[in-house]
Structure formats: structure tokens, C-alpha cells
Amino acid sequence: MRRRQALATGLALLWAPVGASAQARVRRIGYLGLATAQADAVFLDAFRAGMAALRWVEGRDYQIDARFANGVMQSGPALADDLVASAPDLLLFPAEGSGRLLAQRTKTIPIVFAFASDPVGSGFAASLRQPGGNATGLSSMAAELWPKRLQVLKESHPAGVHVGMVYAPGVEISLVQSKAIESGAATLGLRLTRLEVREAGDFEAVFKRGASLGVQAYAVTFDALTNSQRRAIAEHLLRLKAPAMFAGAQYVDDGGLMSYSASVADNFRRAAEYVDKILKGAKPGDLPVAQPTRFDLVLNLKTAKAIGLTFPQAVRLSAERTIE
């Protein structure tokens, strides 16, 4: 009898969920997004999938306390204040905008970033191999990929030599990308017009200005402001019948023409691995920052047809995914 009881106890321990053995209470993960809950839903769903794969059960082992600025950059600091003051076990953020707000407010709460464009340049990590502080995670290479994006845009629309760069000068991750776009455009011999957006209501006027200046194609940076207005941006471009390159597949899913980027969903799934290790006792500063491993060219063939564009065969064959 005792041997059977011991065997049953051993099996119970073997199959116990990670949450039951790793902590006796529900861990709270604070999330700060400067876009909307709807825009960031795909990110958090991927993160939840990553946590589930590691046998963490939401509601039993952890919960997400998410705050969103809804594209209003000015509300970010107050949201960050409230989130840090609530003392979560760990903070999670997508990119530089929300990350800087959190990093300025705590040096003790562990922080994991999922899609930081320049973790070292932004001050989140001393180096990629040895972050050293209270933050670590994954980079997006958002800026480094812009020359490739512009090359694909040029191949897809050779007549589009005048490119409008839609960016948010008040958002750090957008500024970093804007410099890479300027450099890439110069290398490819493209004429570049800067089109600034500072709030959600600016997009209609910006695209009208682009059309009046003879812009033939657009490059839209990946940042919280443009991410919060993905559908509206796609609709403006559709009315103009103008091709555009984006830096995230979610823009194409919402009607944008094409994107080339590291997989945001894959990065968020991998971010769960960092959270798992940290909640089990690892120090963020000892966990190297990871580079993305998956890059996707996504084409929206429905949008291409609507604006009268036919992708070259070479571009179509290079696509990881197409939307009919």
C-alpha cells in the first residue's frame, strides 16, 4: 500500500503544471502598449501561446495587466506610472516607445521586450550578449531591414521613384527607421519626401499632402501610432491607388499592400521563454538579447488588384504568405 501511495505521489509531482511547482501564487505581468488593445491583440495572443507551450496557464499561474494608450502618445507616461506603481512581477513591452517609459521608472522590476529596434542604442541593454540591467528580450531589426524593403518596393513598382516616408518624429522607434529609410532611398536612387504624423487625426492630411506633391509610393514606419491606425492607413492608400511597403505583417492583414519584417508573432512567442526563465529566478541582465530568426515577405494580392498593380513573378515567389 505504501509503495502504491509513493508511486501515485511521484506521478502527481511529475505531471504537475509548471505553475504549481514554480510559484504558489498567480504572477502578474504588466504590459504597456502605446497602440490599441485591438492592434496589439495578435502580439498578446502569440505571447499566450508561448506561455501555454511552457505549461503556464493564464488565470491560474499568471495574469496579464495590460494598459493601452490608444495611439495617444501623451497618455503614455501616466499609464507607465500607474503600471509600475502597481508593482507587477514582470513588465512586458513591444518596442522602444513604451519600453523607454517603463525603463525610466524602474530599475528593479524585471522587463522583457519583444520587438525592440535597437536595444543597446535605446539603453535597455549594455550589450546584446550581456544586457546587465533589469531588461532583456528580442530585437526586431526594424531599421536594418528597410533597405531590403525599399528594394522590394522598387522591384514591385519600378515607376514609383518618388517615395513618401510616413513616420512619427515623436516616436523613437519611428525616428530610428526614418534614418534607415533615408539611407536606403539614397542608395537606390529614390526621391524621398518626409511626411510627419504626430497623432491619429493626421493621416488623412498627410496622404493628401503626399498626393499633391506627386508621391508615387509610400514607406510606412512600424511604430505605435501607425500600428494603431493600420486599417485607416490602408483605406487612405487604397483611395489613392498608391503602393506602400510596411514593416509588419499585421498592416498587410488589415489591407496594406506588402510587408517585409521579422515575425512579430514569433518574437512574442519567444518572449515567453524569457518570462518563464525570469519568473523561475533568472536575472534579466544575464540573459542575452536574441535576434529574430524568422523573416516574412507578405503580399496582399487583393489590394494589389484594387490599385492596379501586378507583382513580378520573382517577388511573388519570394513571398512567405499571400492574401487573396
C-alpha atoms as a PDB file:
ATOM      1  CA  MET A   1       0.000   0.000   0.000  1.00  0.00           C
ATOM      2  CA  ARG A   2       2.742   2.437   0.941  1.00  0.00           C
ATOM      3  CA  ARG A   3       4.588   1.706  -2.302  1.00  0.00           C
ATOM      4  CA  ARG A   4       1.423   2.408  -4.335  1.00  0.00           C
ATOM      5  CA  GLN A   5       0.907   5.696  -2.437  1.00  0.00           C
ATOM      6  CA  ALA A   6       4.529   6.692  -3.062  1.00  0.00           C
ATOM      7  CA  LEU A   7       4.171   5.867  -6.755  1.00  0.00           C
ATOM      8  CA  ALA A   8       0.978   7.945  -7.006  1.00  0.00           C
ATOM      9  CA  THR A   9       2.664  10.867  -5.270  1.00  0.00           C
ATOM     10  CA  GLY A  10       5.646  10.636  -7.626  1.00  0.00           C
ATOM     11  CA  LEU A  11       3.439  10.610 -10.717  1.00  0.00           C
ATOM     12  CA  ALA A  12       1.473  13.589  -9.415  1.00  0.00           C
ATOM     13  CA  LEU A  13       4.693  15.558  -8.993  1.00  0.00           C
ATOM     14  CA  LEU A  14       5.929  14.508 -12.430  1.00  0.00           C
ATOM     15  CA  TRP A  15       2.808  15.757 -14.177  1.00  0.00           C
ATOM     16  CA  ALA A  16       2.213  18.828 -12.016  1.00  0.00           C
ATOM     17  CA  PRO A  17       1.871  22.012 -14.127  1.00  0.00           C
ATOM     18  CA  VAL A  18       4.823  24.331 -14.146  1.00  0.00           C
ATOM     19  CA  GLY A  19       2.801  26.982 -12.350  1.00  0.00           C
ATOM     20  CA  ALA A  20       2.076  24.694  -9.412  1.00  0.00           C
ATOM     21  CA  SER A  21       5.746  23.953  -8.800  1.00  0.00           C
ATOM     22  CA  ALA A  22       7.285  27.264  -9.839  1.00  0.00           C
ATOM     23  CA  GLN A  23       5.084  29.523  -7.706  1.00  0.00           C
ATOM     24  CA  ALA A  24       2.348  29.320  -5.123  1.00  0.00           C
ATOM     25  CA  ARG A  25       0.570  32.438  -6.358  1.00  0.00           C
ATOM     26  CA  VAL A  26      -0.587  33.928  -9.613  1.00  0.00           C
ATOM     27  CA  ARG A  27       2.194  36.021 -11.153  1.00  0.00           C
ATOM     28  CA  ARG A  28       1.172  39.366 -12.616  1.00  0.00           C
ATOM     29  CA  ILE A  29       2.705  40.516 -15.899  1.00  0.00           C
ATOM     30  CA  GLY A  30       2.280  44.199 -16.672  1.00  0.00           C
ATOM     31  CA  TYR A  31       2.011  45.122 -20.378  1.00  0.00           C
ATOM     32  CA  LEU A  32       2.214  48.635 -21.787  1.00  0.00           C
ATOM     33  CA  GLY A  33       1.190  49.234 -25.391  1.00  0.00           C
ATOM     34  CA  LEU A  34       1.004  52.662 -26.974  1.00  0.00           C
ATOM     35  CA  ALA A  35      -1.370  51.439 -29.693  1.00  0.00           C
ATOM     36  CA  THR A  36      -4.831  49.951 -29.091  1.00  0.00           C
ATOM     37  CA  ALA A  37      -5.896  46.691 -27.473  1.00  0.00           C
ATOM     38  CA  GLN A  38      -7.218  45.567 -30.851  1.00  0.00           C
ATOM     39  CA  ALA A  39      -3.950  46.392 -32.630  1.00  0.00           C
ATOM     40  CA  ASP A  40      -1.848  44.572 -30.036  1.00  0.00           C
ATOM     41  CA  ALA A  41      -4.172  41.567 -29.674  1.00  0.00           C
ATOM     42  CA  VAL A  42      -2.135  39.490 -32.147  1.00  0.00           C
ATOM     43  CA  PHE A  43       1.008  40.156 -30.077  1.00  0.00           C
ATOM     44  CA  LEU A  44      -0.511  39.100 -26.776  1.00  0.00           C
ATOM     45  CA  ASP A  45      -2.186  36.061 -28.328  1.00  0.00           C
ATOM     46  CA  ALA A  46       1.221  34.886 -29.561  1.00  0.00           C
ATOM     47  CA  PHE A  47       2.710  35.507 -26.117  1.00  0.00           C
ATOM     48  CA  ARG A  48      -0.082  33.486 -24.502  1.00  0.00           C
ATOM     49  CA  ALA A  49       0.606  30.657 -26.943  1.00  0.00           C
ATOM     50  CA  GLY A  50       4.270  30.730 -25.948  1.00  0.00           C
ATOM     51  CA  MET A  51       3.359  30.620 -22.262  1.00  0.00           C
ATOM     52  CA  ALA A  52       0.954  27.728 -22.847  1.00  0.00           C
ATOM     53  CA  ALA A  53       3.686  25.774 -24.622  1.00  0.00           C
ATOM     54  CA  LEU A  54       5.751  26.162 -21.443  1.00  0.00           C
ATOM     55  CA  ARG A  55       2.780  24.895 -19.393  1.00  0.00           C
ATOM     56  CA  TRP A  56       1.836  28.216 -17.829  1.00  0.00           C
ATOM     57  CA  VAL A  57      -1.947  28.571 -17.583  1.00  0.00           C
ATOM     58  CA  GLU A  58      -3.386  32.078 -17.726  1.00  0.00           C
ATOM     59  CA  GLY A  59      -5.619  32.827 -14.769  1.00  0.00           C
ATOM     60  CA  ARG A  60      -4.110  30.031 -12.696  1.00  0.00           C
ATOM     61  CA  ASP A  61      -0.362  30.634 -12.991  1.00  0.00           C
ATOM     62  CA  TYR A  62      -0.216  34.173 -14.355  1.00  0.00           C
ATOM     63  CA  GLN A  63      -2.359  37.087 -15.442  1.00  0.00           C
ATOM     64  CA  ILE A  64      -1.716  39.980 -17.813  1.00  0.00           C
ATOM     65  CA  ASP A  65      -2.394  43.517 -16.638  1.00  0.00           C
ATOM     66  CA  ALA A  66      -2.457  45.387 -19.963  1.00  0.00           C
ATOM     67  CA  ARG A  67      -2.632  49.172 -20.395  1.00  0.00           C
ATOM     68  CA  PHE A  68      -3.043  50.891 -23.785  1.00  0.00           C
ATOM     69  CA  ALA A  69      -2.502  54.492 -24.905  1.00  0.00           C
ATOM     70  CA  ASN A  70      -4.770  54.036 -27.958  1.00  0.00           C
ATOM     71  CA  GLY A  71      -2.301  55.895 -30.152  1.00  0.00           C
ATOM     72  CA  VAL A  72      -2.311  58.984 -27.885  1.00  0.00           C
ATOM     73  CA  MET A  73       1.376  59.295 -27.095  1.00  0.00           C
ATOM     74  CA  GLN A  74       0.800  61.920 -24.405  1.00  0.00           C
ATOM     75  CA  SER A  75      -1.067  59.431 -22.211  1.00  0.00           C
ATOM     76  CA  GLY A  76       1.876  57.017 -22.113  1.00  0.00           C
ATOM     77  CA  PRO A  77       3.717  58.488 -19.092  1.00  0.00           C
ATOM     78  CA  ALA A  78       0.675  58.346 -16.812  1.00  0.00           C
ATOM     79  CA  LEU A  79      -0.059  54.781 -17.867  1.00  0.00           C
ATOM     80  CA  ALA A  80       3.558  53.808 -17.181  1.00  0.00           C
ATOM     81  CA  ASP A  81       3.410  55.482 -13.751  1.00  0.00           C
ATOM     82  CA  ASP A  82       0.299  53.523 -12.795  1.00  0.00           C
ATOM     83  CA  LEU A  83       1.608  50.240 -14.120  1.00  0.00           C
ATOM     84  CA  VAL A  84       4.968  50.452 -12.326  1.00  0.00           C
ATOM     85  CA  ALA A  85       3.292  51.679  -9.117  1.00  0.00           C
ATOM     86  CA  SER A  86       1.122  48.553  -9.136  1.00  0.00           C
ATOM     87  CA  ALA A  87       4.322  46.515  -8.656  1.00  0.00           C
ATOM     88  CA  PRO A  88       3.833  43.633 -11.113  1.00  0.00           C
ATOM     89  CA  ASP A  89       6.176  40.655 -11.023  1.00  0.00           C
ATOM     90  CA  LEU A  90       7.420  41.462 -14.517  1.00  0.00           C
ATOM     91  CA  LEU A  91       6.909  44.059 -17.232  1.00  0.00           C
ATOM     92  CA  LEU A  92       6.460  43.215 -20.928  1.00  0.00           C
ATOM     93  CA  PHE A  93       6.501  45.692 -23.786  1.00  0.00           C
ATOM     94  CA  PRO A  94       6.637  45.519 -27.590  1.00  0.00           C
ATOM     95  CA  ALA A  95       9.049  48.274 -28.651  1.00  0.00           C
ATOM     96  CA  GLU A  96      11.017  51.395 -27.754  1.00  0.00           C
ATOM     97  CA  GLY A  97       8.138  53.826 -27.136  1.00  0.00           C
ATOM     98  CA  SER A  98       6.571  52.029 -24.195  1.00  0.00           C
ATOM     99  CA  GLY A  99       9.889  50.491 -23.191  1.00  0.00           C
ATOM    100  CA  ARG A 100      11.611  53.781 -22.518  1.00  0.00           C
ATOM    101  CA  LEU A 101       8.707  54.892 -20.311  1.00  0.00           C
ATOM    102  CA  LEU A 102       8.961  51.742 -18.226  1.00  0.00           C
ATOM    103  CA  ALA A 103      12.757  51.667 -18.082  1.00  0.00           C
ATOM    104  CA  GLN A 104      12.803  55.249 -16.783  1.00  0.00           C
ATOM    105  CA  ARG A 105      10.526  54.286 -13.900  1.00  0.00           C
ATOM    106  CA  THR A 106      12.078  51.116 -12.508  1.00  0.00           C
ATOM    107  CA  LYS A 107      15.484  49.509 -12.223  1.00  0.00           C
ATOM    108  CA  THR A 108      14.241  46.621 -10.086  1.00  0.00           C
ATOM    109  CA  ILE A 109      11.172  45.114 -11.770  1.00  0.00           C
ATOM    110  CA  PRO A 110      12.297  42.643 -14.476  1.00  0.00           C
ATOM    111  CA  ILE A 111      11.489  43.831 -18.003  1.00  0.00           C
ATOM    112  CA  VAL A 112      11.142  41.773 -21.183  1.00  0.00           C
ATOM    113  CA  PHE A 113      10.920  43.430 -24.611  1.00  0.00           C
ATOM    114  CA  ALA A 114       9.634  41.528 -27.627  1.00  0.00           C
ATOM    115  CA  PHE A 115      10.352  43.750 -30.628  1.00  0.00           C
ATOM    116  CA  ALA A 116      12.940  46.398 -29.757  1.00  0.00           C
ATOM    117  CA  SER A 117      14.529  48.021 -32.786  1.00  0.00           C
ATOM    118  CA  ASP A 118      17.811  48.953 -31.082  1.00  0.00           C
ATOM    119  CA  PRO A 119      18.056  47.542 -27.534  1.00  0.00           C
ATOM    120  CA  VAL A 120      21.594  48.797 -26.950  1.00  0.00           C
ATOM    121  CA  GLY A 121      21.133  52.217 -28.543  1.00  0.00           C
ATOM    122  CA  SER A 122      17.909  52.693 -26.605  1.00  0.00           C
ATOM    123  CA  GLY A 123      19.682  51.950 -23.341  1.00  0.00           C
ATOM    124  CA  PHE A 124      17.764  48.783 -22.498  1.00  0.00           C
ATOM    125  CA  ALA A 125      20.909  46.650 -22.608  1.00  0.00           C
ATOM    126  CA  ALA A 126      24.619  47.300 -22.165  1.00  0.00           C
ATOM    127  CA  SER A 127      25.265  44.756 -24.907  1.00  0.00           C
ATOM    128  CA  LEU A 128      23.336  42.051 -26.707  1.00  0.00           C
ATOM    129  CA  ARG A 129      25.374  39.269 -25.093  1.00  0.00           C
ATOM    130  CA  GLN A 130      25.317  40.711 -21.575  1.00  0.00           C
ATOM    131  CA  PRO A 131      22.397  43.143 -21.055  1.00  0.00           C
ATOM    132  CA  GLY A 132      23.496  43.775 -17.477  1.00  0.00           C
ATOM    133  CA  GLY A 133      20.422  45.565 -16.152  1.00  0.00           C
ATOM    134  CA  ASN A 134      16.821  44.626 -15.428  1.00  0.00           C
ATOM    135  CA  ALA A 135      15.762  44.258 -19.080  1.00  0.00           C
ATOM    136  CA  THR A 136      16.272  41.720 -21.862  1.00  0.00           C
ATOM    137  CA  GLY A 137      14.339  40.164 -24.731  1.00  0.00           C
ATOM    138  CA  LEU A 138      14.314  40.177 -28.516  1.00  0.00           C
ATOM    139  CA  SER A 139      15.214  42.726 -31.172  1.00  0.00           C
ATOM    140  CA  SER A 140      13.197  43.408 -34.325  1.00  0.00           C
ATOM    141  CA  MET A 141      15.918  44.656 -36.702  1.00  0.00           C
ATOM    142  CA  ALA A 142      13.222  47.115 -37.807  1.00  0.00           C
ATOM    143  CA  ALA A 143      15.723  49.656 -39.090  1.00  0.00           C
ATOM    144  CA  GLU A 144      18.222  47.226 -40.624  1.00  0.00           C
ATOM    145  CA  LEU A 145      15.572  45.724 -42.909  1.00  0.00           C
ATOM    146  CA  TRP A 146      14.478  48.965 -44.589  1.00  0.00           C
ATOM    147  CA  PRO A 147      16.992  48.819 -47.488  1.00  0.00           C
ATOM    148  CA  LYS A 148      15.596  45.390 -48.360  1.00  0.00           C
ATOM    149  CA  ARG A 149      12.018  46.670 -48.073  1.00  0.00           C
ATOM    150  CA  LEU A 150      12.711  49.587 -50.398  1.00  0.00           C
ATOM    151  CA  GLN A 151      14.369  47.263 -52.893  1.00  0.00           C
ATOM    152  CA  VAL A 152      11.255  45.051 -52.975  1.00  0.00           C
ATOM    153  CA  LEU A 153       9.046  48.138 -53.303  1.00  0.00           C
ATOM    154  CA  LYS A 154      11.125  49.353 -56.245  1.00  0.00           C
ATOM    155  CA  GLU A 155      11.017  45.932 -57.915  1.00  0.00           C
ATOM    156  CA  SER A 156       7.246  45.750 -57.458  1.00  0.00           C
ATOM    157  CA  HIS A 157       6.580  49.276 -58.715  1.00  0.00           C
ATOM    158  CA  PRO A 158       9.509  50.459 -60.888  1.00  0.00           C
ATOM    159  CA  ALA A 159       7.697  53.672 -61.778  1.00  0.00           C
ATOM    160  CA  GLY A 160       7.471  54.668 -58.116  1.00  0.00           C
ATOM    161  CA  VAL A 161      10.690  56.637 -57.895  1.00  0.00           C
ATOM    162  CA  HIS A 162       9.149  59.307 -55.639  1.00  0.00           C
ATOM    163  CA  VAL A 163       8.548  57.724 -52.221  1.00  0.00           C
ATOM    164  CA  GLY A 164       6.702  59.302 -49.332  1.00  0.00           C
ATOM    165  CA  MET A 165       8.064  58.313 -45.917  1.00  0.00           C
ATOM    166  CA  VAL A 166       5.258  58.280 -43.348  1.00  0.00           C
ATOM    167  CA  TYR A 167       6.792  58.434 -39.889  1.00  0.00           C
ATOM    168  CA  ALA A 168       6.197  59.749 -36.373  1.00  0.00           C
ATOM    169  CA  PRO A 169       9.042  62.086 -35.344  1.00  0.00           C
ATOM    170  CA  GLY A 170       7.874  61.969 -31.734  1.00  0.00           C
ATOM    171  CA  VAL A 171       8.287  58.180 -31.510  1.00  0.00           C
ATOM    172  CA  GLU A 172      11.826  56.875 -31.075  1.00  0.00           C
ATOM    173  CA  ILE A 173      11.421  53.619 -32.994  1.00  0.00           C
ATOM    174  CA  SER A 174       9.992  55.579 -35.927  1.00  0.00           C
ATOM    175  CA  LEU A 175      12.897  58.026 -35.923  1.00  0.00           C
ATOM    176  CA  VAL A 176      15.417  55.175 -35.977  1.00  0.00           C
ATOM    177  CA  GLN A 177      13.676  53.682 -39.007  1.00  0.00           C
ATOM    178  CA  SER A 178      13.409  57.042 -40.776  1.00  0.00           C
ATOM    179  CA  LYS A 179      17.193  57.341 -40.882  1.00  0.00           C
ATOM    180  CA  ALA A 180      17.493  53.873 -42.410  1.00  0.00           C
ATOM    181  CA  ILE A 181      14.835  54.730 -44.984  1.00  0.00           C
ATOM    182  CA  GLU A 182      16.674  57.904 -45.953  1.00  0.00           C
ATOM    183  CA  SER A 183      19.922  55.974 -46.387  1.00  0.00           C
ATOM    184  CA  GLY A 184      18.276  53.176 -48.353  1.00  0.00           C
ATOM    185  CA  ALA A 185      16.433  55.586 -50.639  1.00  0.00           C
ATOM    186  CA  ALA A 186      19.660  57.424 -51.452  1.00  0.00           C
ATOM    187  CA  THR A 187      21.406  54.151 -52.318  1.00  0.00           C
ATOM    188  CA  LEU A 188      18.572  53.086 -54.621  1.00  0.00           C
ATOM    189  CA  GLY A 189      18.280  56.493 -56.302  1.00  0.00           C
ATOM    190  CA  LEU A 190      14.780  57.152 -54.957  1.00  0.00           C
ATOM    191  CA  ARG A 191      13.448  60.624 -54.313  1.00  0.00           C
ATOM    192  CA  LEU A 192      12.174  60.806 -50.728  1.00  0.00           C
ATOM    193  CA  THR A 193       9.565  63.126 -49.215  1.00  0.00           C
ATOM    194  CA  ARG A 194       9.152  63.156 -45.425  1.00  0.00           C
ATOM    195  CA  LEU A 195       5.542  63.043 -44.232  1.00  0.00           C
ATOM    196  CA  GLU A 196       5.201  63.537 -40.474  1.00  0.00           C
ATOM    197  CA  VAL A 197       2.355  62.249 -38.300  1.00  0.00           C
ATOM    198  CA  ARG A 198       2.025  63.177 -34.636  1.00  0.00           C
ATOM    199  CA  GLU A 199      -1.463  61.949 -33.769  1.00  0.00           C
ATOM    200  CA  ALA A 200      -4.176  59.695 -35.158  1.00  0.00           C
ATOM    201  CA  GLY A 201      -6.000  62.542 -36.886  1.00  0.00           C
ATOM    202  CA  ASP A 202      -3.002  63.474 -39.039  1.00  0.00           C
ATOM    203  CA  PHE A 203      -3.117  60.655 -41.567  1.00  0.00           C
ATOM    204  CA  GLU A 204      -5.784  61.973 -43.915  1.00  0.00           C
ATOM    205  CA  ALA A 205      -3.982  65.306 -44.303  1.00  0.00           C
ATOM    206  CA  VAL A 206      -0.608  63.592 -44.682  1.00  0.00           C
ATOM    207  CA  PHE A 207      -1.760  61.418 -47.574  1.00  0.00           C
ATOM    208  CA  LYS A 208      -3.468  64.377 -49.247  1.00  0.00           C
ATOM    209  CA  ARG A 209      -0.178  66.257 -48.987  1.00  0.00           C
ATOM    210  CA  GLY A 210       1.706  63.310 -50.434  1.00  0.00           C
ATOM    211  CA  ALA A 211      -0.652  63.139 -53.403  1.00  0.00           C
ATOM    212  CA  SER A 212      -0.350  66.881 -54.013  1.00  0.00           C
ATOM    213  CA  LEU A 213       3.450  66.563 -54.053  1.00  0.00           C
ATOM    214  CA  GLY A 214       3.373  63.765 -56.608  1.00  0.00           C
ATOM    215  CA  VAL A 215       4.367  60.914 -54.301  1.00  0.00           C
ATOM    216  CA  GLN A 216       4.113  57.629 -56.228  1.00  0.00           C
ATOM    217  CA  ALA A 217       4.675  55.070 -53.448  1.00  0.00           C
ATOM    218  CA  TYR A 218       4.910  55.049 -49.668  1.00  0.00           C
ATOM    219  CA  ALA A 219       7.147  53.627 -46.943  1.00  0.00           C
ATOM    220  CA  VAL A 220       5.362  53.488 -43.579  1.00  0.00           C
ATOM    221  CA  THR A 221       7.381  53.000 -40.406  1.00  0.00           C
ATOM    222  CA  PHE A 222       6.423  50.466 -37.753  1.00  0.00           C
ATOM    223  CA  ASP A 223       5.514  52.302 -34.558  1.00  0.00           C
ATOM    224  CA  ALA A 224       2.680  52.602 -32.047  1.00  0.00           C
ATOM    225  CA  LEU A 225       0.971  55.448 -33.879  1.00  0.00           C
ATOM    226  CA  THR A 226       0.869  53.813 -37.319  1.00  0.00           C
ATOM    227  CA  ASN A 227       0.090  50.443 -35.724  1.00  0.00           C
ATOM    228  CA  SER A 228      -2.991  51.914 -34.051  1.00  0.00           C
ATOM    229  CA  GLN A 229      -4.236  53.222 -37.426  1.00  0.00           C
ATOM    230  CA  ARG A 230      -3.431  50.270 -39.688  1.00  0.00           C
ATOM    231  CA  ARG A 231      -6.882  49.936 -41.227  1.00  0.00           C
ATOM    232  CA  ALA A 232      -7.289  53.675 -41.772  1.00  0.00           C
ATOM    233  CA  ILE A 233      -3.871  53.896 -43.455  1.00  0.00           C
ATOM    234  CA  ALA A 234      -4.748  51.034 -45.800  1.00  0.00           C
ATOM    235  CA  GLU A 235      -8.025  52.738 -46.726  1.00  0.00           C
ATOM    236  CA  HIS A 236      -6.288  56.053 -47.489  1.00  0.00           C
ATOM    237  CA  LEU A 237      -3.761  54.303 -49.715  1.00  0.00           C
ATOM    238  CA  LEU A 238      -6.462  52.321 -51.472  1.00  0.00           C
ATOM    239  CA  ARG A 239      -8.300  55.524 -52.373  1.00  0.00           C
ATOM    240  CA  LEU A 240      -5.050  56.935 -53.748  1.00  0.00           C
ATOM    241  CA  LYS A 241      -4.301  53.643 -55.546  1.00  0.00           C
ATOM    242  CA  ALA A 242      -0.771  54.012 -54.218  1.00  0.00           C
ATOM    243  CA  PRO A 243       1.607  51.114 -53.453  1.00  0.00           C
ATOM    244  CA  ALA A 244       3.146  51.029 -49.975  1.00  0.00           C
ATOM    245  CA  MET A 245       5.665  48.969 -48.046  1.00  0.00           C
ATOM    246  CA  PHE A 246       5.127  48.257 -44.356  1.00  0.00           C
ATOM    247  CA  ALA A 247       7.368  46.882 -41.624  1.00  0.00           C
ATOM    248  CA  GLY A 248       4.921  44.385 -40.134  1.00  0.00           C
ATOM    249  CA  ALA A 249       2.603  41.692 -41.482  1.00  0.00           C
ATOM    250  CA  GLN A 250      -0.329  42.934 -39.403  1.00  0.00           C
ATOM    251  CA  TYR A 251      -0.501  46.016 -41.648  1.00  0.00           C
ATOM    252  CA  VAL A 252      -0.976  43.751 -44.663  1.00  0.00           C
ATOM    253  CA  ASP A 253      -3.575  41.654 -42.861  1.00  0.00           C
ATOM    254  CA  ASP A 254      -5.541  44.896 -42.412  1.00  0.00           C
ATOM    255  CA  GLY A 255      -5.390  45.813 -46.103  1.00  0.00           C
ATOM    256  CA  GLY A 256      -1.867  47.109 -46.667  1.00  0.00           C
ATOM    257  CA  LEU A 257      -0.109  46.058 -49.873  1.00  0.00           C
ATOM    258  CA  MET A 258       3.068  44.365 -48.640  1.00  0.00           C
ATOM    259  CA  SER A 259       5.481  43.980 -45.767  1.00  0.00           C
ATOM    260  CA  TYR A 260       8.863  42.509 -45.051  1.00  0.00           C
ATOM    261  CA  SER A 261       9.809  42.019 -41.435  1.00  0.00           C
ATOM    262  CA  ALA A 262      10.819  39.805 -38.628  1.00  0.00           C
ATOM    263  CA  SER A 263       7.782  37.865 -37.457  1.00  0.00           C
ATOM    264  CA  VAL A 264       6.216  39.847 -34.597  1.00  0.00           C
ATOM    265  CA  ALA A 265       4.163  36.825 -33.543  1.00  0.00           C
ATOM    266  CA  ASP A 266       7.253  34.609 -33.457  1.00  0.00           C
ATOM    267  CA  ASN A 267       9.130  37.168 -31.353  1.00  0.00           C
ATOM    268  CA  PHE A 268       6.267  37.376 -28.856  1.00  0.00           C
ATOM    269  CA  ARG A 269       6.100  33.589 -28.599  1.00  0.00           C
ATOM    270  CA  ARG A 270       9.818  33.548 -27.882  1.00  0.00           C
ATOM    271  CA  ALA A 271       9.405  36.350 -25.332  1.00  0.00           C
ATOM    272  CA  ALA A 272       7.504  33.819 -23.218  1.00  0.00           C
ATOM    273  CA  GLU A 273      10.749  31.859 -22.857  1.00  0.00           C
ATOM    274  CA  TYR A 274      12.369  34.888 -21.205  1.00  0.00           C
ATOM    275  CA  VAL A 275       9.390  35.393 -18.925  1.00  0.00           C
ATOM    276  CA  ASP A 276       9.461  31.724 -17.950  1.00  0.00           C
ATOM    277  CA  LYS A 277      13.147  31.852 -17.020  1.00  0.00           C
ATOM    278  CA  ILE A 278      12.867  35.123 -15.101  1.00  0.00           C
ATOM    279  CA  LEU A 279       9.822  34.048 -13.102  1.00  0.00           C
ATOM    280  CA  LYS A 280      11.780  30.920 -12.182  1.00  0.00           C
ATOM    281  CA  GLY A 281      14.638  33.014 -10.795  1.00  0.00           C
ATOM    282  CA  ALA A 282      16.924  34.022 -13.679  1.00  0.00           C
ATOM    283  CA  LYS A 283      18.284  37.573 -13.766  1.00  0.00           C
ATOM    284  CA  PRO A 284      17.334  39.577 -16.895  1.00  0.00           C
ATOM    285  CA  GLY A 285      20.822  41.038 -17.139  1.00  0.00           C
ATOM    286  CA  ASP A 286      22.290  37.553 -17.539  1.00  0.00           C
ATOM    287  CA  LEU A 287      20.025  36.541 -20.447  1.00  0.00           C
ATOM    288  CA  PRO A 288      21.416  37.565 -23.877  1.00  0.00           C
ATOM    289  CA  VAL A 289      19.210  39.583 -26.209  1.00  0.00           C
ATOM    290  CA  ALA A 290      18.038  37.410 -29.112  1.00  0.00           C
ATOM    291  CA  GLN A 291      17.865  38.379 -32.762  1.00  0.00           C
ATOM    292  CA  PRO A 292      14.816  37.404 -34.832  1.00  0.00           C
ATOM    293  CA  THR A 293      15.066  34.088 -36.640  1.00  0.00           C
ATOM    294  CA  ARG A 294      12.056  34.330 -38.957  1.00  0.00           C
ATOM    295  CA  PHE A 295      11.582  36.954 -41.680  1.00  0.00           C
ATOM    296  CA  ASP A 296       8.458  37.104 -43.810  1.00  0.00           C
ATOM    297  CA  LEU A 297       7.554  38.826 -47.068  1.00  0.00           C
ATOM    298  CA  VAL A 298       3.752  39.116 -47.077  1.00  0.00           C
ATOM    299  CA  LEU A 299       1.767  40.274 -50.126  1.00  0.00           C
ATOM    300  CA  ASN A 300      -1.866  41.304 -50.308  1.00  0.00           C
ATOM    301  CA  LEU A 301      -2.962  40.289 -53.807  1.00  0.00           C
ATOM    302  CA  LYS A 302      -6.473  41.629 -53.251  1.00  0.00           C
ATOM    303  CA  THR A 303      -5.103  45.097 -52.555  1.00  0.00           C
ATOM    304  CA  ALA A 304      -2.687  44.834 -55.486  1.00  0.00           C
ATOM    305  CA  LYS A 305      -5.584  44.117 -57.839  1.00  0.00           C
ATOM    306  CA  ALA A 306      -7.602  47.004 -56.420  1.00  0.00           C
ATOM    307  CA  ILE A 307      -4.813  49.516 -57.089  1.00  0.00           C
ATOM    308  CA  GLY A 308      -3.908  48.025 -60.473  1.00  0.00           C
ATOM    309  CA  LEU A 309      -0.534  46.564 -59.538  1.00  0.00           C
ATOM    310  CA  THR A 310       0.819  43.188 -60.623  1.00  0.00           C
ATOM    311  CA  PHE A 311       3.664  41.772 -58.576  1.00  0.00           C
ATOM    312  CA  PRO A 312       6.636  40.483 -60.606  1.00  0.00           C
ATOM    313  CA  GLN A 313       6.957  36.720 -60.567  1.00  0.00           C
ATOM    314  CA  ALA A 314      10.246  36.902 -58.650  1.00  0.00           C
ATOM    315  CA  VAL A 315       8.590  38.896 -55.864  1.00  0.00           C
ATOM    316  CA  ARG A 316       5.632  36.536 -55.648  1.00  0.00           C
ATOM    317  CA  LEU A 317       7.899  33.515 -55.464  1.00  0.00           C
ATOM    318  CA  SER A 318       9.808  35.150 -52.597  1.00  0.00           C
ATOM    319  CA  ALA A 319       6.661  35.679 -50.513  1.00  0.00           C
ATOM    320  CA  GLU A 320       6.207  33.654 -47.357  1.00  0.00           C
ATOM    321  CA  ARG A 321       2.483  34.336 -47.465  1.00  0.00           C
ATOM    322  CA  THR A 322      -0.025  35.875 -49.859  1.00  0.00           C
ATOM    323  CA  ILE A 323      -3.507  37.201 -49.111  1.00  0.00           C
ATOM    324  CA  GLU A 324      -6.027  36.542 -51.874  1.00  0.00           C
END
